Amino acid sequence: MDKRQLAAAATPEALVEHVTGHAHPSHPHEPVVTSTREVTYKGHHIVIRTTYQIEVDGHSVRGHMGVTNDGQVHYHAVPNLSFASAVDMVKQLIDTFPDDFDEGGGR
């Protein structure tokens, strides 16, 4: 990718198009998502599995999401953002993809 192509791909419009295009992945996701974090602390191996089942208006929110070791939540469709909570993340999804959450929207 040359500089001109990189500049074109980095415009806000191109980024919105890319993110919107990935909001509905072509492969299905399970409605329950489990994020696994592992760390070794003072010789102890710690494994934390956090399971999310998210619904908006009775419809499952699907997609890849995860939690970092400091508790930040992230969602694959908006990769450059992280959130203090899953609730904040879902609020941002509703704001970013309002058509997906309209009455007639395909979730």
PDB file of N, CA and C in Angstrom:
ATOM      1  N   MET A   1       0.856  -1.175   0.000  1.00  0.00           N
ATOM      2  CA  MET A   1       0.000   0.000   0.000  1.00  0.00           C
ATOM      3  C   MET A   1       0.897   1.231   0.000  1.00  0.00           C
ATOM      4  N   ASP A   2       0.686   2.114  -0.975  1.00  0.00           N
ATOM      5  CA  ASP A   2       1.498   3.328  -1.032  1.00  0.00           C
ATOM      6  C   ASP A   2       0.850   4.425  -0.172  1.00  0.00           C
ATOM      7  N   LYS A   3       1.546   5.561  -0.055  1.00  0.00           N
ATOM      8  CA  LYS A   3       1.070   6.650   0.812  1.00  0.00           C
ATOM      9  C   LYS A   3      -0.300   7.168   0.398  1.00  0.00           C
ATOM     10  N   ARG A   4      -0.534   7.266  -0.900  1.00  0.00           N
ATOM     11  CA  ARG A   4      -1.821   7.768  -1.400  1.00  0.00           C
ATOM     12  C   ARG A   4      -2.964   6.824  -1.001  1.00  0.00           C
ATOM     13  N   GLN A   5      -2.747   5.518  -1.155  1.00  0.00           N
ATOM     14  CA  GLN A   5      -3.758   4.530  -0.782  1.00  0.00           C
ATOM     15  C   GLN A   5      -3.988   4.523   0.728  1.00  0.00           C
ATOM     16  N   LEU A   6      -2.898   4.650   1.482  1.00  0.00           N
ATOM     17  CA  LEU A   6      -3.005   4.690   2.934  1.00  0.00           C
ATOM     18  C   LEU A   6      -3.790   5.916   3.395  1.00  0.00           C
ATOM     19  N   ALA A   7      -3.508   7.075   2.787  1.00  0.00           N
ATOM     20  CA  ALA A   7      -4.233   8.303   3.134  1.00  0.00           C
ATOM     21  C   ALA A   7      -5.719   8.169   2.813  1.00  0.00           C
ATOM     22  N   ALA A   8      -6.045   7.563   1.672  1.00  0.00           N
ATOM     23  CA  ALA A   8      -7.445   7.378   1.290  1.00  0.00           C
ATOM     24  C   ALA A   8      -8.152   6.422   2.242  1.00  0.00           C
ATOM     25  N   ALA A   9      -7.455   5.395   2.688  1.00  0.00           N
ATOM     26  CA  ALA A   9      -8.054   4.412   3.593  1.00  0.00           C
ATOM     27  C   ALA A   9      -8.226   4.952   5.009  1.00  0.00           C
ATOM     28  N   ALA A  10      -7.499   6.011   5.353  1.00  0.00           N
ATOM     29  CA  ALA A  10      -7.540   6.551   6.717  1.00  0.00           C
ATOM     30  C   ALA A  10      -8.520   7.708   6.880  1.00  0.00           C
ATOM     31  N   THR A  11      -9.240   8.071   5.829  1.00  0.00           N
ATOM     32  CA  THR A  11     -10.207   9.164   5.959  1.00  0.00           C
ATOM     33  C   THR A  11     -11.351   8.721   6.851  1.00  0.00           C
ATOM     34  N   PRO A  12     -12.001   9.664   7.536  1.00  0.00           N
ATOM     35  CA  PRO A  12     -13.143   9.287   8.382  1.00  0.00           C
ATOM     36  C   PRO A  12     -14.213   8.520   7.608  1.00  0.00           C
ATOM     37  N   GLU A  13     -14.471   8.924   6.373  1.00  0.00           N
ATOM     38  CA  GLU A  13     -15.490   8.253   5.567  1.00  0.00           C
ATOM     39  C   GLU A  13     -15.110   6.796   5.302  1.00  0.00           C
ATOM     40  N   ALA A  14     -13.844   6.573   4.959  1.00  0.00           N
ATOM     41  CA  ALA A  14     -13.388   5.209   4.683  1.00  0.00           C
ATOM     42  C   ALA A  14     -13.438   4.353   5.944  1.00  0.00           C
ATOM     43  N   LEU A  15     -13.093   4.940   7.081  1.00  0.00           N
ATOM     44  CA  LEU A  15     -13.134   4.192   8.339  1.00  0.00           C
ATOM     45  C   LEU A  15     -14.570   3.829   8.706  1.00  0.00           C
ATOM     46  N   VAL A  16     -15.501   4.773   8.533  1.00  0.00           N
ATOM     47  CA  VAL A  16     -16.908   4.488   8.826  1.00  0.00           C
ATOM     48  C   VAL A  16     -17.411   3.381   7.908  1.00  0.00           C
ATOM     49  N   GLU A  17     -17.054   3.463   6.635  1.00  0.00           N
ATOM     50  CA  GLU A  17     -17.477   2.434   5.685  1.00  0.00           C
ATOM     51  C   GLU A  17     -16.922   1.069   6.085  1.00  0.00           C
ATOM     52  N   HIS A  18     -15.669   1.042   6.505  1.00  0.00           N
ATOM     53  CA  HIS A  18     -15.046  -0.217   6.913  1.00  0.00           C
ATOM     54  C   HIS A  18     -15.723  -0.775   8.156  1.00  0.00           C
ATOM     55  N   VAL A  19     -15.924   0.058   9.170  1.00  0.00           N
ATOM     56  CA  VAL A  19     -16.541  -0.400  10.417  1.00  0.00           C
ATOM     57  C   VAL A  19     -17.973  -0.848  10.159  1.00  0.00           C
ATOM     58  N   THR A  20     -18.722  -0.067   9.385  1.00  0.00           N
ATOM     59  CA  THR A  20     -20.100  -0.430   9.083  1.00  0.00           C
ATOM     60  C   THR A  20     -20.146  -1.743   8.319  1.00  0.00           C
ATOM     61  N   GLY A  21     -19.225  -1.927   7.431  1.00  0.00           N
ATOM     62  CA  GLY A  21     -19.179  -3.168   6.668  1.00  0.00           C
ATOM     63  C   GLY A  21     -18.868  -4.383   7.518  1.00  0.00           C
ATOM     64  N   HIS A  22     -18.267  -4.178   8.681  1.00  0.00           N
ATOM     65  CA  HIS A  22     -17.933  -5.294   9.558  1.00  0.00           C
ATOM     66  C   HIS A  22     -18.896  -5.430  10.724  1.00  0.00           C
ATOM     67  N   ALA A  23     -19.910  -4.593  10.779  1.00  0.00           N
ATOM     68  CA  ALA A  23     -20.875  -4.694  11.872  1.00  0.00           C
ATOM     69  C   ALA A  23     -21.726  -5.943  11.725  1.00  0.00           C
ATOM     70  N   HIS A  24     -21.882  -6.422  10.494  1.00  0.00           N
ATOM     71  CA  HIS A  24     -22.643  -7.632  10.232  1.00  0.00           C
ATOM     72  C   HIS A  24     -21.715  -8.646   9.603  1.00  0.00           C
ATOM     73  N   PRO A  25     -20.936  -9.355  10.421  1.00  0.00           N
ATOM     74  CA  PRO A  25     -19.975 -10.285   9.851  1.00  0.00           C
ATOM     75  C   PRO A  25     -20.666 -11.375   9.032  1.00  0.00           C
ATOM     76  N   SER A  26     -19.948 -11.896   8.034  1.00  0.00           N
ATOM     77  CA  SER A  26     -20.528 -12.912   7.169  1.00  0.00           C
ATOM     78  C   SER A  26     -20.605 -14.265   7.854  1.00  0.00           C
ATOM     79  N   HIS A  27     -19.889 -14.433   8.941  1.00  0.00           N
ATOM     80  CA  HIS A  27     -19.960 -15.692   9.666  1.00  0.00           C
ATOM     81  C   HIS A  27     -20.718 -15.470  10.976  1.00  0.00           C
ATOM     82  N   PRO A  28     -21.553 -16.439  11.365  1.00  0.00           N
ATOM     83  CA  PRO A  28     -22.384 -16.245  12.562  1.00  0.00           C
ATOM     84  C   PRO A  28     -21.564 -16.291  13.845  1.00  0.00           C
ATOM     85  N   HIS A  29     -22.038 -15.581  14.826  1.00  0.00           N
ATOM     86  CA  HIS A  29     -21.420 -15.601  16.146  1.00  0.00           C
ATOM     87  C   HIS A  29     -22.435 -16.133  17.139  1.00  0.00           C
ATOM     88  N   GLU A  30     -21.970 -16.833  18.112  1.00  0.00           N
ATOM     89  CA  GLU A  30     -22.861 -17.319  19.153  1.00  0.00           C
ATOM     90  C   GLU A  30     -23.350 -16.136  19.978  1.00  0.00           C
ATOM     91  N   PRO A  31     -24.573 -16.201  20.504  1.00  0.00           N
ATOM     92  CA  PRO A  31     -25.088 -15.095  21.303  1.00  0.00           C
ATOM     93  C   PRO A  31     -24.411 -14.986  22.666  1.00  0.00           C
ATOM     94  N   VAL A  32     -23.682 -16.010  23.080  1.00  0.00           N
ATOM     95  CA  VAL A  32     -22.946 -15.962  24.340  1.00  0.00           C
ATOM     96  C   VAL A  32     -21.465 -15.890  24.005  1.00  0.00           C
ATOM     97  N   VAL A  33     -20.787 -14.909  24.576  1.00  0.00           N
ATOM     98  CA  VAL A  33     -19.372 -14.695  24.312  1.00  0.00           C
ATOM     99  C   VAL A  33     -18.603 -14.882  25.609  1.00  0.00           C
ATOM    100  N   THR A  34     -17.527 -15.647  25.555  1.00  0.00           N
ATOM    101  CA  THR A  34     -16.670 -15.835  26.721  1.00  0.00           C
ATOM    102  C   THR A  34     -15.294 -15.266  26.411  1.00  0.00           C
ATOM    103  N   SER A  35     -14.830 -14.395  27.281  1.00  0.00           N
ATOM    104  CA  SER A  35     -13.499 -13.820  27.166  1.00  0.00           C
ATOM    105  C   SER A  35     -12.618 -14.466  28.230  1.00  0.00           C
ATOM    106  N   THR A  36     -11.445 -14.968  27.831  1.00  0.00           N
ATOM    107  CA  THR A  36     -10.540 -15.620  28.771  1.00  0.00           C
ATOM    108  C   THR A  36      -9.273 -14.798  28.906  1.00  0.00           C
ATOM    109  N   ARG A  37      -8.896 -14.512  30.145  1.00  0.00           N
ATOM    110  CA  ARG A  37      -7.646 -13.814  30.422  1.00  0.00           C
ATOM    111  C   ARG A  37      -6.801 -14.692  31.332  1.00  0.00           C
ATOM    112  N   GLU A  38      -5.504 -14.714  31.054  1.00  0.00           N
ATOM    113  CA  GLU A  38      -4.596 -15.508  31.870  1.00  0.00           C
ATOM    114  C   GLU A  38      -3.391 -14.671  32.245  1.00  0.00           C
ATOM    115  N   VAL A  39      -2.924 -14.864  33.458  1.00  0.00           N
ATOM    116  CA  VAL A  39      -1.741 -14.148  33.922  1.00  0.00           C
ATOM    117  C   VAL A  39      -1.075 -14.996  35.006  1.00  0.00           C
ATOM    118  N   THR A  40       0.217 -14.848  35.117  1.00  0.00           N
ATOM    119  CA  THR A  40       0.942 -15.495  36.212  1.00  0.00           C
ATOM    120  C   THR A  40       1.331 -14.418  37.201  1.00  0.00           C
ATOM    121  N   TYR A  41       1.048 -14.663  38.480  1.00  0.00           N
ATOM    122  CA  TYR A  41       1.337 -13.693  39.529  1.00  0.00           C
ATOM    123  C   TYR A  41       1.960 -14.418  40.709  1.00  0.00           C
ATOM    124  N   LYS A  42       3.187 -14.043  41.034  1.00  0.00           N
ATOM    125  CA  LYS A  42       3.934 -14.641  42.143  1.00  0.00           C
ATOM    126  C   LYS A  42       3.893 -16.162  42.093  1.00  0.00           C
ATOM    127  N   GLY A  43       4.081 -16.683  40.887  1.00  0.00           N
ATOM    128  CA  GLY A  43       4.124 -18.124  40.709  1.00  0.00           C
ATOM    129  C   GLY A  43       2.763 -18.794  40.595  1.00  0.00           C
ATOM    130  N   HIS A  44       1.693 -18.039  40.660  1.00  0.00           N
ATOM    131  CA  HIS A  44       0.343 -18.600  40.551  1.00  0.00           C
ATOM    132  C   HIS A  44      -0.224 -18.297  39.168  1.00  0.00           C
ATOM    133  N   HIS A  45      -0.815 -19.306  38.547  1.00  0.00           N
ATOM    134  CA  HIS A  45      -1.423 -19.142  37.226  1.00  0.00           C
ATOM    135  C   HIS A  45      -2.904 -18.800  37.424  1.00  0.00           C
ATOM    136  N   ILE A  46      -3.293 -17.619  36.985  1.00  0.00           N
ATOM    137  CA  ILE A  46      -4.664 -17.131  37.160  1.00  0.00           C
ATOM    138  C   ILE A  46      -5.368 -17.189  35.810  1.00  0.00           C
ATOM    139  N   VAL A  47      -6.571 -17.767  35.791  1.00  0.00           N
ATOM    140  CA  VAL A  47      -7.413 -17.801  34.599  1.00  0.00           C
ATOM    141  C   VAL A  47      -8.759 -17.196  34.977  1.00  0.00           C
ATOM    142  N   ILE A  48      -9.177 -16.193  34.214  1.00  0.00           N
ATOM    143  CA  ILE A  48     -10.474 -15.551  34.455  1.00  0.00           C
ATOM    144  C   ILE A  48     -11.283 -15.660  33.172  1.00  0.00           C
ATOM    145  N   ARG A  49     -12.445 -16.272  33.261  1.00  0.00           N
ATOM    146  CA  ARG A  49     -13.362 -16.374  32.130  1.00  0.00           C
ATOM    147  C   ARG A  49     -14.585 -15.529  32.437  1.00  0.00           C
ATOM    148  N   THR A  50     -14.826 -14.572  31.573  1.00  0.00           N
ATOM    149  CA  THR A  50     -15.981 -13.692  31.715  1.00  0.00           C
ATOM    150  C   THR A  50     -16.938 -14.017  30.580  1.00  0.00           C
ATOM    151  N   THR A  51     -18.184 -14.300  30.918  1.00  0.00           N
ATOM    152  CA  THR A  51     -19.177 -14.672  29.910  1.00  0.00           C
ATOM    153  C   THR A  51     -20.217 -13.573  29.796  1.00  0.00           C
ATOM    154  N   TYR A  52     -20.503 -13.186  28.546  1.00  0.00           N
ATOM    155  CA  TYR A  52     -21.484 -12.147  28.267  1.00  0.00           C
ATOM    156  C   TYR A  52     -22.590 -12.717  27.388  1.00  0.00           C
ATOM    157  N   GLN A  53     -23.814 -12.391  27.716  1.00  0.00           N
ATOM    158  CA  GLN A  53     -24.962 -12.648  26.856  1.00  0.00           C
ATOM    159  C   GLN A  53     -25.714 -11.325  26.817  1.00  0.00           C
ATOM    160  N   ILE A  54     -25.576 -10.618  25.702  1.00  0.00           N
ATOM    161  CA  ILE A  54     -26.092  -9.254  25.606  1.00  0.00           C
ATOM    162  C   ILE A  54     -27.326  -9.237  24.718  1.00  0.00           C
ATOM    163  N   GLU A  55     -28.364  -8.564  25.193  1.00  0.00           N
ATOM    164  CA  GLU A  55     -29.590  -8.387  24.418  1.00  0.00           C
ATOM    165  C   GLU A  55     -29.980  -6.920  24.423  1.00  0.00           C
ATOM    166  N   VAL A  56     -30.522  -6.473  23.307  1.00  0.00           N
ATOM    167  CA  VAL A  56     -31.110  -5.142  23.196  1.00  0.00           C
ATOM    168  C   VAL A  56     -32.507  -5.340  22.630  1.00  0.00           C
ATOM    169  N   ASP A  57     -33.497  -4.877  23.338  1.00  0.00           N
ATOM    170  CA  ASP A  57     -34.896  -5.027  22.911  1.00  0.00           C
ATOM    171  C   ASP A  57     -35.240  -6.480  22.629  1.00  0.00           C
ATOM    172  N   GLY A  58     -34.685  -7.393  23.408  1.00  0.00           N
ATOM    173  CA  GLY A  58     -34.987  -8.808  23.258  1.00  0.00           C
ATOM    174  C   GLY A  58     -34.208  -9.525  22.173  1.00  0.00           C
ATOM    175  N   HIS A  59     -33.305  -8.818  21.475  1.00  0.00           N
ATOM    176  CA  HIS A  59     -32.504  -9.417  20.404  1.00  0.00           C
ATOM    177  C   HIS A  59     -31.050  -9.520  20.848  1.00  0.00           C
ATOM    178  N   SER A  60     -30.426 -10.642  20.537  1.00  0.00           N
ATOM    179  CA  SER A  60     -29.026 -10.853  20.914  1.00  0.00           C
ATOM    180  C   SER A  60     -28.102  -9.933  20.146  1.00  0.00           C
ATOM    181  N   VAL A  61     -27.112  -9.400  20.842  1.00  0.00           N
ATOM    182  CA  VAL A  61     -26.023  -8.666  20.211  1.00  0.00           C
ATOM    183  C   VAL A  61     -24.900  -9.674  20.045  1.00  0.00           C
ATOM    184  N   ARG A  62     -24.501  -9.875  18.806  1.00  0.00           N
ATOM    185  CA  ARG A  62     -23.496 -10.891  18.511  1.00  0.00           C
ATOM    186  C   ARG A  62     -22.216 -10.225  18.039  1.00  0.00           C
ATOM    187  N   GLY A  63     -21.131 -10.942  18.125  1.00  0.00           N
ATOM    188  CA  GLY A  63     -19.863 -10.441  17.634  1.00  0.00           C
ATOM    189  C   GLY A  63     -18.743 -10.778  18.590  1.00  0.00           C
ATOM    190  N   HIS A  64     -17.546 -10.570  18.121  1.00  0.00           N
ATOM    191  CA  HIS A  64     -16.373 -10.826  18.951  1.00  0.00           C
ATOM    192  C   HIS A  64     -16.192  -9.672  19.926  1.00  0.00           C
ATOM    193  N   MET A  65     -16.076  -9.984  21.177  1.00  0.00           N
ATOM    194  CA  MET A  65     -15.752  -8.982  22.173  1.00  0.00           C
ATOM    195  C   MET A  65     -14.811  -9.612  23.180  1.00  0.00           C
ATOM    196  N   GLY A  66     -14.168  -8.764  23.946  1.00  0.00           N
ATOM    197  CA  GLY A  66     -13.230  -9.271  24.929  1.00  0.00           C
ATOM    198  C   GLY A  66     -13.024  -8.279  26.045  1.00  0.00           C
ATOM    199  N   VAL A  67     -12.306  -8.733  27.053  1.00  0.00           N
ATOM    200  CA  VAL A  67     -11.996  -7.911  28.216  1.00  0.00           C
ATOM    201  C   VAL A  67     -10.493  -7.977  28.437  1.00  0.00           C
ATOM    202  N   THR A  68      -9.876  -6.816  28.632  1.00  0.00           N
ATOM    203  CA  THR A  68      -8.438  -6.781  28.897  1.00  0.00           C
ATOM    204  C   THR A  68      -8.186  -7.040  30.376  1.00  0.00           C
ATOM    205  N   ASN A  69      -6.940  -7.245  30.735  1.00  0.00           N
ATOM    206  CA  ASN A  69      -6.601  -7.502  32.135  1.00  0.00           C
ATOM    207  C   ASN A  69      -6.938  -6.340  33.056  1.00  0.00           C
ATOM    208  N   ASP A  70      -7.046  -5.125  32.492  1.00  0.00           N
ATOM    209  CA  ASP A  70      -7.424  -3.991  33.344  1.00  0.00           C
ATOM    210  C   ASP A  70      -8.935  -3.748  33.335  1.00  0.00           C
ATOM    211  N   GLY A  71      -9.702  -4.683  32.732  1.00  0.00           N
ATOM    212  CA  GLY A  71     -11.149  -4.610  32.785  1.00  0.00           C
ATOM    213  C   GLY A  71     -11.819  -3.847  31.662  1.00  0.00           C
ATOM    214  N   GLN A  72     -11.055  -3.339  30.711  1.00  0.00           N
ATOM    215  CA  GLN A  72     -11.642  -2.619  29.583  1.00  0.00           C
ATOM    216  C   GLN A  72     -12.310  -3.618  28.633  1.00  0.00           C
ATOM    217  N   VAL A  73     -13.473  -3.249  28.135  1.00  0.00           N
ATOM    218  CA  VAL A  73     -14.220  -4.093  27.213  1.00  0.00           C
ATOM    219  C   VAL A  73     -14.008  -3.561  25.799  1.00  0.00           C
ATOM    220  N   HIS A  74     -13.835  -4.462  24.841  1.00  0.00           N
ATOM    221  CA  HIS A  74     -13.687  -4.040  23.447  1.00  0.00           C
ATOM    222  C   HIS A  74     -14.544  -4.931  22.567  1.00  0.00           C
ATOM    223  N   TYR A  75     -14.908  -4.409  21.387  1.00  0.00           N
ATOM    224  CA  TYR A  75     -15.788  -5.102  20.450  1.00  0.00           C
ATOM    225  C   TYR A  75     -15.147  -5.045  19.080  1.00  0.00           C
ATOM    226  N   HIS A  76     -15.128  -6.159  18.388  1.00  0.00           N
ATOM    227  CA  HIS A  76     -14.422  -6.289  17.113  1.00  0.00           C
ATOM    228  C   HIS A  76     -14.862  -5.259  16.071  1.00  0.00           C
ATOM    229  N   ALA A  77     -16.133  -4.916  16.035  1.00  0.00           N
ATOM    230  CA  ALA A  77     -16.640  -3.987  15.009  1.00  0.00           C
ATOM    231  C   ALA A  77     -16.146  -2.558  15.221  1.00  0.00           C
ATOM    232  N   VAL A  78     -15.716  -2.223  16.421  1.00  0.00           N
ATOM    233  CA  VAL A  78     -15.145  -0.898  16.699  1.00  0.00           C
ATOM    234  C   VAL A  78     -13.789  -1.107  17.387  1.00  0.00           C
ATOM    235  N   PRO A  79     -12.787  -1.557  16.614  1.00  0.00           N
ATOM    236  CA  PRO A  79     -11.530  -2.019  17.202  1.00  0.00           C
ATOM    237  C   PRO A  79     -10.676  -0.953  17.870  1.00  0.00           C
ATOM    238  N   ASN A  80     -10.879   0.302  17.555  1.00  0.00           N
ATOM    239  CA  ASN A  80     -10.032   1.346  18.125  1.00  0.00           C
ATOM    240  C   ASN A  80     -10.603   1.932  19.406  1.00  0.00           C
ATOM    241  N   LEU A  81     -11.694   1.366  19.888  1.00  0.00           N
ATOM    242  CA  LEU A  81     -12.315   1.867  21.101  1.00  0.00           C
ATOM    243  C   LEU A  81     -12.339   0.781  22.163  1.00  0.00           C
ATOM    244  N   SER A  82     -12.224   1.204  23.415  1.00  0.00           N
ATOM    245  CA  SER A  82     -12.450   0.303  24.532  1.00  0.00           C
ATOM    246  C   SER A  82     -13.347   1.040  25.514  1.00  0.00           C
ATOM    247  N   PHE A  83     -13.997   0.282  26.361  1.00  0.00           N
ATOM    248  CA  PHE A  83     -15.033   0.846  27.219  1.00  0.00           C
ATOM    249  C   PHE A  83     -14.827   0.393  28.655  1.00  0.00           C
ATOM    250  N   ALA A  84     -15.259   1.231  29.585  1.00  0.00           N
ATOM    251  CA  ALA A  84     -15.125   0.917  30.996  1.00  0.00           C
ATOM    252  C   ALA A  84     -16.079  -0.198  31.408  1.00  0.00           C
ATOM    253  N   SER A  85     -17.152  -0.405  30.630  1.00  0.00           N
ATOM    254  CA  SER A  85     -18.112  -1.453  30.967  1.00  0.00           C
ATOM    255  C   SER A  85     -18.776  -1.961  29.698  1.00  0.00           C
ATOM    256  N   ALA A  86     -19.394  -3.135  29.804  1.00  0.00           N
ATOM    257  CA  ALA A  86     -20.149  -3.686  28.679  1.00  0.00           C
ATOM    258  C   ALA A  86     -21.361  -2.812  28.378  1.00  0.00           C
ATOM    259  N   VAL A  87     -21.946  -2.209  29.393  1.00  0.00           N
ATOM    260  CA  VAL A  87     -23.088  -1.311  29.190  1.00  0.00           C
ATOM    261  C   VAL A  87     -22.663  -0.115  28.341  1.00  0.00           C
ATOM    262  N   ASP A  88     -21.518   0.482  28.656  1.00  0.00           N
ATOM    263  CA  ASP A  88     -21.013   1.603  27.856  1.00  0.00           C
ATOM    264  C   ASP A  88     -20.749   1.173  26.417  1.00  0.00           C
ATOM    265  N   MET A  89     -20.248  -0.046  26.237  1.00  0.00           N
ATOM    266  CA  MET A  89     -19.978  -0.551  24.900  1.00  0.00           C
ATOM    267  C   MET A  89     -21.268  -0.682  24.094  1.00  0.00           C
ATOM    268  N   VAL A  90     -22.315  -1.250  24.688  1.00  0.00           N
ATOM    269  CA  VAL A  90     -23.574  -1.431  23.973  1.00  0.00           C
ATOM    270  C   VAL A  90     -24.206  -0.079  23.660  1.00  0.00           C
ATOM    271  N   LYS A  91     -24.104   0.887  24.567  1.00  0.00           N
ATOM    272  CA  LYS A  91     -24.605   2.237  24.284  1.00  0.00           C
ATOM    273  C   LYS A  91     -23.900   2.809  23.047  1.00  0.00           C
ATOM    274  N   GLN A  92     -22.574   2.601  22.957  1.00  0.00           N
ATOM    275  CA  GLN A  92     -21.823   3.099  21.802  1.00  0.00           C
ATOM    276  C   GLN A  92     -22.224   2.369  20.524  1.00  0.00           C
ATOM    277  N   LEU A  93     -22.480   1.064  20.609  1.00  0.00           N
ATOM    278  CA  LEU A  93     -22.943   0.326  19.436  1.00  0.00           C
ATOM    279  C   LEU A  93     -24.269   0.883  18.932  1.00  0.00           C
ATOM    280  N   ILE A  94     -25.180   1.201  19.849  1.00  0.00           N
ATOM    281  CA  ILE A  94     -26.469   1.779  19.468  1.00  0.00           C
ATOM    282  C   ILE A  94     -26.257   3.136  18.808  1.00  0.00           C
ATOM    283  N   ASP A  95     -25.341   3.936  19.346  1.00  0.00           N
ATOM    284  CA  ASP A  95     -25.053   5.256  18.766  1.00  0.00           C
ATOM    285  C   ASP A  95     -24.356   5.140  17.408  1.00  0.00           C
ATOM    286  N   THR A  96     -23.451   4.175  17.254  1.00  0.00           N
ATOM    287  CA  THR A  96     -22.663   4.034  16.036  1.00  0.00           C
ATOM    288  C   THR A  96     -23.445   3.363  14.914  1.00  0.00           C
ATOM    289  N   PHE A  97     -24.298   2.413  15.272  1.00  0.00           N
ATOM    290  CA  PHE A  97     -25.062   1.639  14.289  1.00  0.00           C
ATOM    291  C   PHE A  97     -26.565   1.750  14.566  1.00  0.00           C
ATOM    292  N   PRO A  98     -27.132   2.968  14.547  1.00  0.00           N
ATOM    293  CA  PRO A  98     -28.543   3.133  14.945  1.00  0.00           C
ATOM    294  C   PRO A  98     -29.513   2.333  14.080  1.00  0.00           C
ATOM    295  N   ASP A  99     -29.220   2.166  12.792  1.00  0.00           N
ATOM    296  CA  ASP A  99     -30.126   1.410  11.915  1.00  0.00           C
ATOM    297  C   ASP A  99     -30.247  -0.048  12.351  1.00  0.00           C
ATOM    298  N   ASP A 100     -29.197  -0.577  12.967  1.00  0.00           N
ATOM    299  CA  ASP A 100     -29.234  -1.963  13.412  1.00  0.00           C
ATOM    300  C   ASP A 100     -30.119  -2.165  14.637  1.00  0.00           C
ATOM    301  N   PHE A 101     -30.473  -1.047  15.278  1.00  0.00           N
ATOM    302  CA  PHE A 101     -31.280  -1.137  16.493  1.00  0.00           C
ATOM    303  C   PHE A 101     -32.649  -0.502  16.335  1.00  0.00           C
ATOM    304  N   ASP A 102     -32.976  -0.025  15.113  1.00  0.00           N
ATOM    305  CA  ASP A 102     -34.323   0.466  14.853  1.00  0.00           C
ATOM    306  C   ASP A 102     -35.297  -0.695  14.881  1.00  0.00           C
ATOM    307  N   GLU A 103     -36.586  -0.372  15.006  1.00  0.00           N
ATOM    308  CA  GLU A 103     -37.593  -1.431  15.032  1.00  0.00           C
ATOM    309  C   GLU A 103     -37.478  -2.353  13.833  1.00  0.00           C
ATOM    310  N   GLY A 104     -37.256  -1.781  12.641  1.00  0.00           N
ATOM    311  CA  GLY A 104     -37.161  -2.598  11.431  1.00  0.00           C
ATOM    312  C   GLY A 104     -35.761  -3.051  11.110  1.00  0.00           C
ATOM    313  N   GLY A 105     -34.778  -2.644  11.929  1.00  0.00           N
ATOM    314  CA  GLY A 105     -33.381  -2.963  11.633  1.00  0.00           C
ATOM    315  C   GLY A 105     -33.075  -4.432  11.776  1.00  0.00           C
ATOM    316  N   GLY A 106     -32.197  -4.924  10.928  1.00  0.00           N
ATOM    317  CA  GLY A 106     -31.744  -6.324  11.030  1.00  0.00           C
ATOM    318  C   GLY A 106     -30.604  -6.391  11.994  1.00  0.00           C
ATOM    319  N   ARG A 107     -30.793  -6.998  13.118  1.00  0.00           N
ATOM    320  CA  ARG A 107     -29.774  -7.003  14.162  1.00  0.00           C
ATOM    321  C   ARG A 107     -28.656  -7.961  13.811  1.00  0.00           C
TER     322      ARG A 107
END
